[in-house]
Amino acid sequence: MFASGHFELYQSYQERNEFNYCEYLVSTLGIDNSQALFIGVYEVKSITPVTVFPDHYDVPFKGKAKVRSKYRYELEKLVGFEDLEHRLVIQWEGVAQGWCVKIDTFNNEVVQLMPKGYVRDFPGYLEIDLSFRELQGIVNDPNANAIWHKMLSSVGAVYLIVDTKEGKQYVGSASGKKGLLGRWKEYAINGHGNNKKLKELIDADPQRIHSLKYTILQPLPKHLTINEILKEEIKYKNKLGTRAYGLNLN
């Protein structure tokens, strides 16, 4: 929900009347190692019982999240915390399974303050799984995400783009002096990098850009020739069937 820009809408609908006695919410996003990233502080303005999450919202979460939504909260984000948003990391120790707790019932230790523009740690080539928003953030702020720029520019690669809404896949490759970073910079502009079928997908539904995931199938040495890298690309296209059933045209 956060990657698609629906976080605030999602948290405003709840199954139980959890925020009935709350004046303020401190919202965080779970990350690795029982830690959470600070998102913002919200004032609870009002509570309205509802039958179900409204169907007219075009959101990526369905099923239980919609069926069980019984309360809608009018939440107003407070100003004054912008400098800490998406940077402040706290320890969520002892309540890893609790998504909603009173702030005085756990040890909310501040772990670190990330640089402005920081997205997340580089996990290793084969562990990369980026949303469009994350890819764009990494590309647009090379100082805060310097390790990503160094690692992505040091290799060529066969990469995979997955449309998580329908499961369709696109296989591509990157080579040259700028490596994978050079190619992914193009995707950070518009999501499709001028690939015809990806462009058609996004042109038909601009919100579809938030359903895309960018991953690496195989990192490759930059010294390989274009033909050698294309050979690896074709191999994965054949394995995954992305020309017959996916988003590759050739």
C-alpha atoms as a PDB file:
ATOM      1  CA  MET A   1       0.000   0.000   0.000  1.00  0.00           C
ATOM      2  CA  PHE A   2       2.843   2.393   0.797  1.00  0.00           C
ATOM      3  CA  ALA A   3       4.545   1.825  -2.557  1.00  0.00           C
ATOM      4  CA  SER A   4       1.311   2.534  -4.435  1.00  0.00           C
ATOM      5  CA  GLY A   5       0.580   5.723  -2.492  1.00  0.00           C
ATOM      6  CA  HIS A   6      -2.460   4.299  -0.647  1.00  0.00           C
ATOM      7  CA  PHE A   7      -0.973   4.134   2.849  1.00  0.00           C
ATOM      8  CA  GLU A   8      -3.067   6.908   4.381  1.00  0.00           C
ATOM      9  CA  LEU A   9      -6.272   5.569   2.860  1.00  0.00           C
ATOM     10  CA  TYR A  10      -5.471   2.073   4.090  1.00  0.00           C
ATOM     11  CA  GLN A  11      -4.787   3.087   7.690  1.00  0.00           C
ATOM     12  CA  SER A  12      -7.969   5.181   7.854  1.00  0.00           C
ATOM     13  CA  TYR A  13     -10.116   2.004   7.589  1.00  0.00           C
ATOM     14  CA  GLN A  14      -9.921  -0.549  10.399  1.00  0.00           C
ATOM     15  CA  GLU A  15     -11.647  -3.772  11.412  1.00  0.00           C
ATOM     16  CA  ARG A  16     -11.884  -2.827  15.111  1.00  0.00           C
ATOM     17  CA  ASN A  17     -12.348   0.538  16.761  1.00  0.00           C
ATOM     18  CA  GLU A  18      -8.670   0.630  17.661  1.00  0.00           C
ATOM     19  CA  PHE A  19      -8.320   4.413  17.632  1.00  0.00           C
ATOM     20  CA  ASN A  20     -11.415   5.199  19.682  1.00  0.00           C
ATOM     21  CA  TYR A  21      -9.479   6.646  22.617  1.00  0.00           C
ATOM     22  CA  CYS A  22      -6.554   7.962  20.616  1.00  0.00           C
ATOM     23  CA  GLU A  23      -5.891  11.602  19.960  1.00  0.00           C
ATOM     24  CA  TYR A  24      -2.831  10.949  17.802  1.00  0.00           C
ATOM     25  CA  LEU A  25      -1.261   8.131  15.772  1.00  0.00           C
ATOM     26  CA  VAL A  26       2.453   7.684  15.251  1.00  0.00           C
ATOM     27  CA  SER A  27       2.557   5.750  11.991  1.00  0.00           C
ATOM     28  CA  THR A  28       5.487   3.542  11.038  1.00  0.00           C
ATOM     29  CA  LEU A  29       6.320   1.060   8.310  1.00  0.00           C
ATOM     30  CA  GLY A  30       7.816  -2.299   9.269  1.00  0.00           C
ATOM     31  CA  ILE A  31      11.266  -3.024   7.846  1.00  0.00           C
ATOM     32  CA  ASP A  32      13.903  -5.657   8.681  1.00  0.00           C
ATOM     33  CA  ASN A  33      15.061  -6.917  12.102  1.00  0.00           C
ATOM     34  CA  SER A  34      11.938  -5.906  14.070  1.00  0.00           C
ATOM     35  CA  GLN A  35      12.518  -2.290  13.149  1.00  0.00           C
ATOM     36  CA  ALA A  36      10.128   0.332  11.802  1.00  0.00           C
ATOM     37  CA  LEU A  37      10.495   3.455   9.679  1.00  0.00           C
ATOM     38  CA  PHE A  38       8.727   6.595  10.877  1.00  0.00           C
ATOM     39  CA  ILE A  39       6.029   7.785   8.433  1.00  0.00           C
ATOM     40  CA  GLY A  40       4.302  10.600  10.296  1.00  0.00           C
ATOM     41  CA  VAL A  41       2.034  11.739  13.112  1.00  0.00           C
ATOM     42  CA  TYR A  42      -1.730  11.940  12.550  1.00  0.00           C
ATOM     43  CA  GLU A  43      -4.479  13.524  14.608  1.00  0.00           C
ATOM     44  CA  VAL A  44      -7.677  11.453  14.915  1.00  0.00           C
ATOM     45  CA  LYS A  45     -10.393  13.933  13.987  1.00  0.00           C
ATOM     46  CA  SER A  46     -13.478  11.701  13.863  1.00  0.00           C
ATOM     47  CA  ILE A  47     -14.726   8.093  13.697  1.00  0.00           C
ATOM     48  CA  THR A  48     -17.489   6.798  11.420  1.00  0.00           C
ATOM     49  CA  PRO A  49     -18.876   3.222  11.428  1.00  0.00           C
ATOM     50  CA  VAL A  50     -19.030   1.752   7.934  1.00  0.00           C
ATOM     51  CA  THR A  51     -20.353  -1.484   6.465  1.00  0.00           C
ATOM     52  CA  VAL A  52     -17.346  -2.293   4.317  1.00  0.00           C
ATOM     53  CA  PHE A  53     -14.451  -0.618   2.552  1.00  0.00           C
ATOM     54  CA  PRO A  54     -15.978   1.368  -0.367  1.00  0.00           C
ATOM     55  CA  ASP A  55     -15.716  -0.420  -3.704  1.00  0.00           C
ATOM     56  CA  HIS A  56     -15.275   2.758  -5.698  1.00  0.00           C
ATOM     57  CA  TYR A  57     -11.691   3.203  -4.483  1.00  0.00           C
ATOM     58  CA  ASP A  58      -9.208   1.733  -6.946  1.00  0.00           C
ATOM     59  CA  VAL A  59      -6.734   0.252  -4.475  1.00  0.00           C
ATOM     60  CA  PRO A  60      -4.302  -2.676  -4.631  1.00  0.00           C
ATOM     61  CA  PHE A  61      -5.576  -4.350  -1.460  1.00  0.00           C
ATOM     62  CA  LYS A  62      -8.700  -6.453  -1.579  1.00  0.00           C
ATOM     63  CA  GLY A  63     -10.239  -9.423   0.204  1.00  0.00           C
ATOM     64  CA  LYS A  64     -10.124  -9.290   3.998  1.00  0.00           C
ATOM     65  CA  ALA A  65      -8.868  -5.696   4.075  1.00  0.00           C
ATOM     66  CA  LYS A  66     -12.080  -4.608   2.394  1.00  0.00           C
ATOM     67  CA  VAL A  67     -14.538  -7.061   3.888  1.00  0.00           C
ATOM     68  CA  ARG A  68     -13.464  -6.459   7.487  1.00  0.00           C
ATOM     69  CA  SER A  69     -13.247  -2.670   7.404  1.00  0.00           C
ATOM     70  CA  LYS A  70     -15.878  -1.512   9.895  1.00  0.00           C
ATOM     71  CA  TYR A  71     -14.584   1.902  10.965  1.00  0.00           C
ATOM     72  CA  ARG A  72     -13.375   4.903   9.035  1.00  0.00           C
ATOM     73  CA  TYR A  73     -11.182   7.496  10.723  1.00  0.00           C
ATOM     74  CA  GLU A  74     -10.664  11.023   9.533  1.00  0.00           C
ATOM     75  CA  LEU A  75      -6.939  11.482  10.067  1.00  0.00           C
ATOM     76  CA  GLU A  76      -5.041  14.721   9.631  1.00  0.00           C
ATOM     77  CA  LYS A  77      -1.304  14.568   9.201  1.00  0.00           C
ATOM     78  CA  LEU A  78       0.510  17.010  11.468  1.00  0.00           C
ATOM     79  CA  VAL A  79       3.196  19.331  10.165  1.00  0.00           C
ATOM     80  CA  GLY A  80       6.531  19.690  11.900  1.00  0.00           C
ATOM     81  CA  PHE A  81       7.809  16.139  11.529  1.00  0.00           C
ATOM     82  CA  GLU A  82       8.787  16.276   7.842  1.00  0.00           C
ATOM     83  CA  ASP A  83      12.514  16.198   8.559  1.00  0.00           C
ATOM     84  CA  LEU A  84      12.157  12.806  10.265  1.00  0.00           C
ATOM     85  CA  GLU A  85       9.779  11.137   7.807  1.00  0.00           C
ATOM     86  CA  HIS A  86      11.202   8.056   6.051  1.00  0.00           C
ATOM     87  CA  ARG A  87      14.479   8.576   7.916  1.00  0.00           C
ATOM     88  CA  LEU A  88      13.937   7.804  11.609  1.00  0.00           C
ATOM     89  CA  VAL A  89      14.258   4.081  12.444  1.00  0.00           C
ATOM     90  CA  ILE A  90      12.919   2.747  15.747  1.00  0.00           C
ATOM     91  CA  GLN A  91      13.169  -0.665  17.375  1.00  0.00           C
ATOM     92  CA  TRP A  92       9.874  -2.567  17.507  1.00  0.00           C
ATOM     93  CA  GLU A  93      11.251  -5.121  19.965  1.00  0.00           C
ATOM     94  CA  GLY A  94       8.849  -7.479  21.755  1.00  0.00           C
ATOM     95  CA  VAL A  95       5.763  -6.555  19.739  1.00  0.00           C
ATOM     96  CA  ALA A  96       6.786  -7.812  16.308  1.00  0.00           C
ATOM     97  CA  GLN A  97       3.302  -9.201  15.713  1.00  0.00           C
ATOM     98  CA  GLY A  98       1.488  -6.121  16.984  1.00  0.00           C
ATOM     99  CA  TRP A  99       0.478  -3.635  14.368  1.00  0.00           C
ATOM    100  CA  CYS A 100      -1.229  -1.248  16.797  1.00  0.00           C
ATOM    101  CA  VAL A 101       0.069  -0.658  20.336  1.00  0.00           C
ATOM    102  CA  LYS A 102       0.099   2.149  22.863  1.00  0.00           C
ATOM    103  CA  ILE A 103       3.293   4.093  22.597  1.00  0.00           C
ATOM    104  CA  ASP A 104       4.060   3.652  26.305  1.00  0.00           C
ATOM    105  CA  THR A 105       3.782  -0.151  26.267  1.00  0.00           C
ATOM    106  CA  PHE A 106       6.999  -0.912  24.414  1.00  0.00           C
ATOM    107  CA  ASN A 107      10.569   0.307  24.274  1.00  0.00           C
ATOM    108  CA  ASN A 108      10.547   2.564  21.240  1.00  0.00           C
ATOM    109  CA  GLU A 109      14.292   3.039  21.042  1.00  0.00           C
ATOM    110  CA  VAL A 110      15.615   5.175  18.200  1.00  0.00           C
ATOM    111  CA  VAL A 111      18.071   3.066  16.215  1.00  0.00           C
ATOM    112  CA  GLN A 112      19.301   5.496  13.588  1.00  0.00           C
ATOM    113  CA  LEU A 113      18.508   8.502  11.432  1.00  0.00           C
ATOM    114  CA  MET A 114      18.923   7.786   7.735  1.00  0.00           C
ATOM    115  CA  PRO A 115      20.254  10.393   5.277  1.00  0.00           C
ATOM    116  CA  LYS A 116      17.610  12.462   3.515  1.00  0.00           C
ATOM    117  CA  GLY A 117      16.493  10.629   0.364  1.00  0.00           C
ATOM    118  CA  TYR A 118      17.659   7.228   1.625  1.00  0.00           C
ATOM    119  CA  VAL A 119      15.474   4.352   0.354  1.00  0.00           C
ATOM    120  CA  ARG A 120      16.891   1.184   1.942  1.00  0.00           C
ATOM    121  CA  ASP A 121      20.025  -0.938   2.249  1.00  0.00           C
ATOM    122  CA  PHE A 122      21.422  -2.667  -0.804  1.00  0.00           C
ATOM    123  CA  PRO A 123      20.501  -6.359  -0.218  1.00  0.00           C
ATOM    124  CA  GLY A 124      22.665  -8.086  -2.842  1.00  0.00           C
ATOM    125  CA  TYR A 125      21.929  -8.405  -6.545  1.00  0.00           C
ATOM    126  CA  LEU A 126      19.689 -11.462  -6.383  1.00  0.00           C
ATOM    127  CA  GLU A 127      17.684 -10.095  -3.456  1.00  0.00           C
ATOM    128  CA  ILE A 128      16.656  -6.863  -5.192  1.00  0.00           C
ATOM    129  CA  ASP A 129      12.880  -6.374  -5.409  1.00  0.00           C
ATOM    130  CA  LEU A 130      12.033  -2.717  -6.010  1.00  0.00           C
ATOM    131  CA  SER A 131       8.752  -0.913  -6.502  1.00  0.00           C
ATOM    132  CA  PHE A 132       8.666   1.959  -8.982  1.00  0.00           C
ATOM    133  CA  ARG A 133       8.670   4.465  -6.127  1.00  0.00           C
ATOM    134  CA  GLU A 134      11.745   2.841  -4.579  1.00  0.00           C
ATOM    135  CA  LEU A 135      13.571   2.656  -7.911  1.00  0.00           C
ATOM    136  CA  GLN A 136      12.809   6.305  -8.598  1.00  0.00           C
ATOM    137  CA  GLY A 137      13.980   7.334  -5.135  1.00  0.00           C
ATOM    138  CA  ILE A 138      17.268   5.452  -5.506  1.00  0.00           C
ATOM    139  CA  VAL A 139      17.991   6.859  -8.949  1.00  0.00           C
ATOM    140  CA  ASN A 140      17.044  10.442  -8.104  1.00  0.00           C
ATOM    141  CA  ASP A 141      19.196  10.713  -4.980  1.00  0.00           C
ATOM    142  CA  PRO A 142      22.670   9.306  -5.671  1.00  0.00           C
ATOM    143  CA  ASN A 143      24.169  10.788  -2.504  1.00  0.00           C
ATOM    144  CA  ALA A 144      21.786   9.134  -0.036  1.00  0.00           C
ATOM    145  CA  ASN A 145      21.847   5.889  -2.030  1.00  0.00           C
ATOM    146  CA  ALA A 146      25.494   5.880  -3.065  1.00  0.00           C
ATOM    147  CA  ILE A 147      25.990   2.133  -2.528  1.00  0.00           C
ATOM    148  CA  TRP A 148      23.095   1.342  -4.872  1.00  0.00           C
ATOM    149  CA  HIS A 149      24.609   3.558  -7.573  1.00  0.00           C
ATOM    150  CA  LYS A 150      28.023   1.983  -7.135  1.00  0.00           C
ATOM    151  CA  MET A 151      26.737  -1.599  -7.239  1.00  0.00           C
ATOM    152  CA  LEU A 152      24.227  -1.168 -10.078  1.00  0.00           C
ATOM    153  CA  SER A 153      26.707   0.693 -12.265  1.00  0.00           C
ATOM    154  CA  SER A 154      29.417  -1.949 -11.767  1.00  0.00           C
ATOM    155  CA  VAL A 155      27.567  -4.798 -13.532  1.00  0.00           C
ATOM    156  CA  GLY A 156      25.556  -5.634 -16.568  1.00  0.00           C
ATOM    157  CA  ALA A 157      22.517  -7.815 -15.980  1.00  0.00           C
ATOM    158  CA  VAL A 158      19.493  -9.682 -17.174  1.00  0.00           C
ATOM    159  CA  TYR A 159      16.607  -8.138 -15.258  1.00  0.00           C
ATOM    160  CA  LEU A 160      12.937  -8.908 -14.757  1.00  0.00           C
ATOM    161  CA  ILE A 161       9.972  -6.552 -14.466  1.00  0.00           C
ATOM    162  CA  VAL A 162       6.797  -8.103 -13.063  1.00  0.00           C
ATOM    163  CA  ASP A 163       3.322  -6.627 -13.284  1.00  0.00           C
ATOM    164  CA  THR A 164       2.061  -7.900  -9.934  1.00  0.00           C
ATOM    165  CA  LYS A 165      -1.550  -7.119 -10.828  1.00  0.00           C
ATOM    166  CA  GLU A 166      -1.750  -9.765 -13.582  1.00  0.00           C
ATOM    167  CA  GLY A 167       1.534 -11.620 -13.179  1.00  0.00           C
ATOM    168  CA  LYS A 168       2.875 -10.719 -16.616  1.00  0.00           C
ATOM    169  CA  GLN A 169       6.636 -10.460 -16.936  1.00  0.00           C
ATOM    170  CA  TYR A 170       9.183  -8.583 -19.009  1.00  0.00           C
ATOM    171  CA  VAL A 171      12.798  -9.719 -19.406  1.00  0.00           C
ATOM    172  CA  GLY A 172      15.433  -7.207 -20.423  1.00  0.00           C
ATOM    173  CA  SER A 173      19.189  -6.774 -20.294  1.00  0.00           C
ATOM    174  CA  ALA A 174      21.671  -4.012 -19.622  1.00  0.00           C
ATOM    175  CA  SER A 175      25.266  -3.537 -20.722  1.00  0.00           C
ATOM    176  CA  GLY A 176      27.727  -0.761 -21.488  1.00  0.00           C
ATOM    177  CA  LYS A 177      29.802   1.642 -19.390  1.00  0.00           C
ATOM    178  CA  LYS A 178      26.917   2.680 -17.107  1.00  0.00           C
ATOM    179  CA  GLY A 179      25.852  -0.908 -16.485  1.00  0.00           C
ATOM    180  CA  LEU A 180      22.444  -1.760 -15.070  1.00  0.00           C
ATOM    181  CA  LEU A 181      22.130   1.664 -13.446  1.00  0.00           C
ATOM    182  CA  GLY A 182      22.182   3.323 -16.846  1.00  0.00           C
ATOM    183  CA  ARG A 183      19.243   1.248 -18.057  1.00  0.00           C
ATOM    184  CA  TRP A 184      17.227   1.481 -14.843  1.00  0.00           C
ATOM    185  CA  LYS A 185      17.554   5.268 -14.877  1.00  0.00           C
ATOM    186  CA  GLU A 186      15.314   5.168 -17.940  1.00  0.00           C
ATOM    187  CA  TYR A 187      12.685   3.137 -16.069  1.00  0.00           C
ATOM    188  CA  ALA A 188      12.815   5.607 -13.179  1.00  0.00           C
ATOM    189  CA  ILE A 189      11.520   8.324 -15.520  1.00  0.00           C
ATOM    190  CA  ASN A 190       8.261   6.666 -16.569  1.00  0.00           C
ATOM    191  CA  GLY A 191       8.207   3.060 -15.370  1.00  0.00           C
ATOM    192  CA  HIS A 192       8.296   1.521 -18.846  1.00  0.00           C
ATOM    193  CA  GLY A 193      11.677   2.627 -20.226  1.00  0.00           C
ATOM    194  CA  ASN A 194      10.070   2.899 -23.685  1.00  0.00           C
ATOM    195  CA  ASN A 195       9.312  -0.830 -23.874  1.00  0.00           C
ATOM    196  CA  LYS A 196       6.230  -0.975 -26.095  1.00  0.00           C
ATOM    197  CA  LYS A 197       4.002  -3.375 -24.148  1.00  0.00           C
ATOM    198  CA  LEU A 198       4.949  -1.923 -20.769  1.00  0.00           C
ATOM    199  CA  LYS A 199       4.182   1.545 -22.134  1.00  0.00           C
ATOM    200  CA  GLU A 200       0.793   0.368 -23.386  1.00  0.00           C
ATOM    201  CA  LEU A 201       0.062  -1.059 -19.946  1.00  0.00           C
ATOM    202  CA  ILE A 202       0.857   2.213 -18.160  1.00  0.00           C
ATOM    203  CA  ASP A 203      -0.766   4.451 -20.780  1.00  0.00           C
ATOM    204  CA  ALA A 204      -4.017   2.522 -20.393  1.00  0.00           C
ATOM    205  CA  ASP A 205      -3.865   2.790 -16.585  1.00  0.00           C
ATOM    206  CA  PRO A 206      -1.273   5.221 -15.115  1.00  0.00           C
ATOM    207  CA  GLN A 207      -1.761   3.722 -11.633  1.00  0.00           C
ATOM    208  CA  ARG A 208      -0.455   0.426 -13.004  1.00  0.00           C
ATOM    209  CA  ILE A 209       3.036   1.823 -12.600  1.00  0.00           C
ATOM    210  CA  HIS A 210       2.737   1.067  -8.881  1.00  0.00           C
ATOM    211  CA  SER A 211       2.097  -2.622  -9.622  1.00  0.00           C
ATOM    212  CA  LEU A 212       5.517  -3.053 -11.239  1.00  0.00           C
ATOM    213  CA  LYS A 213       8.438  -4.751  -9.496  1.00  0.00           C
ATOM    214  CA  TYR A 214      12.039  -4.520 -10.704  1.00  0.00           C
ATOM    215  CA  THR A 215      14.370  -7.446  -9.985  1.00  0.00           C
ATOM    216  CA  ILE A 216      17.585  -9.027 -11.262  1.00  0.00           C
ATOM    217  CA  LEU A 217      17.688 -12.513 -12.748  1.00  0.00           C
ATOM    218  CA  GLN A 218      21.438 -12.614 -13.340  1.00  0.00           C
ATOM    219  CA  PRO A 219      24.193 -10.042 -12.791  1.00  0.00           C
ATOM    220  CA  LEU A 220      26.795 -10.139 -15.562  1.00  0.00           C
ATOM    221  CA  PRO A 221      30.331  -8.779 -15.989  1.00  0.00           C
ATOM    222  CA  LYS A 222      30.422  -5.436 -17.784  1.00  0.00           C
ATOM    223  CA  HIS A 223      33.162  -6.637 -20.111  1.00  0.00           C
ATOM    224  CA  LEU A 224      30.792  -9.035 -21.891  1.00  0.00           C
ATOM    225  CA  THR A 225      29.843  -8.045 -25.409  1.00  0.00           C
ATOM    226  CA  ILE A 226      26.301  -7.019 -26.290  1.00  0.00           C
ATOM    227  CA  ASN A 227      25.809 -10.316 -28.136  1.00  0.00           C
ATOM    228  CA  GLU A 228      26.930 -12.309 -25.106  1.00  0.00           C
ATOM    229  CA  ILE A 229      24.497 -10.463 -22.848  1.00  0.00           C
ATOM    230  CA  LEU A 230      21.658 -10.798 -25.373  1.00  0.00           C
ATOM    231  CA  LYS A 231      22.297 -14.535 -25.429  1.00  0.00           C
ATOM    232  CA  GLU A 232      21.660 -14.672 -21.681  1.00  0.00           C
ATOM    233  CA  GLU A 233      18.569 -12.496 -22.080  1.00  0.00           C
ATOM    234  CA  ILE A 234      17.109 -14.821 -24.710  1.00  0.00           C
ATOM    235  CA  LYS A 235      17.747 -17.800 -22.468  1.00  0.00           C
ATOM    236  CA  TYR A 236      15.558 -16.295 -19.723  1.00  0.00           C
ATOM    237  CA  LYS A 237      12.872 -15.227 -22.175  1.00  0.00           C
ATOM    238  CA  ASN A 238      12.626 -18.852 -23.294  1.00  0.00           C
ATOM    239  CA  LYS A 239      12.618 -20.203 -19.745  1.00  0.00           C
ATOM    240  CA  LEU A 240       9.900 -17.843 -18.548  1.00  0.00           C
ATOM    241  CA  GLY A 241       7.864 -17.740 -21.750  1.00  0.00           C
ATOM    242  CA  THR A 242       7.701 -13.950 -21.711  1.00  0.00           C
ATOM    243  CA  ARG A 243       7.290 -13.641 -25.474  1.00  0.00           C
ATOM    244  CA  ALA A 244       4.335 -15.999 -25.693  1.00  0.00           C
ATOM    245  CA  TYR A 245       2.666 -15.128 -22.378  1.00  0.00           C
ATOM    246  CA  GLY A 246       4.363 -12.010 -21.086  1.00  0.00           C
ATOM    247  CA  LEU A 247       5.365  -8.509 -22.119  1.00  0.00           C
ATOM    248  CA  ASN A 248       8.264  -9.198 -24.497  1.00  0.00           C
ATOM    249  CA  LEU A 249       7.694  -8.670 -28.216  1.00  0.00           C
ATOM    250  CA  ASN A 250      10.920 -10.252 -29.469  1.00  0.00           C
END
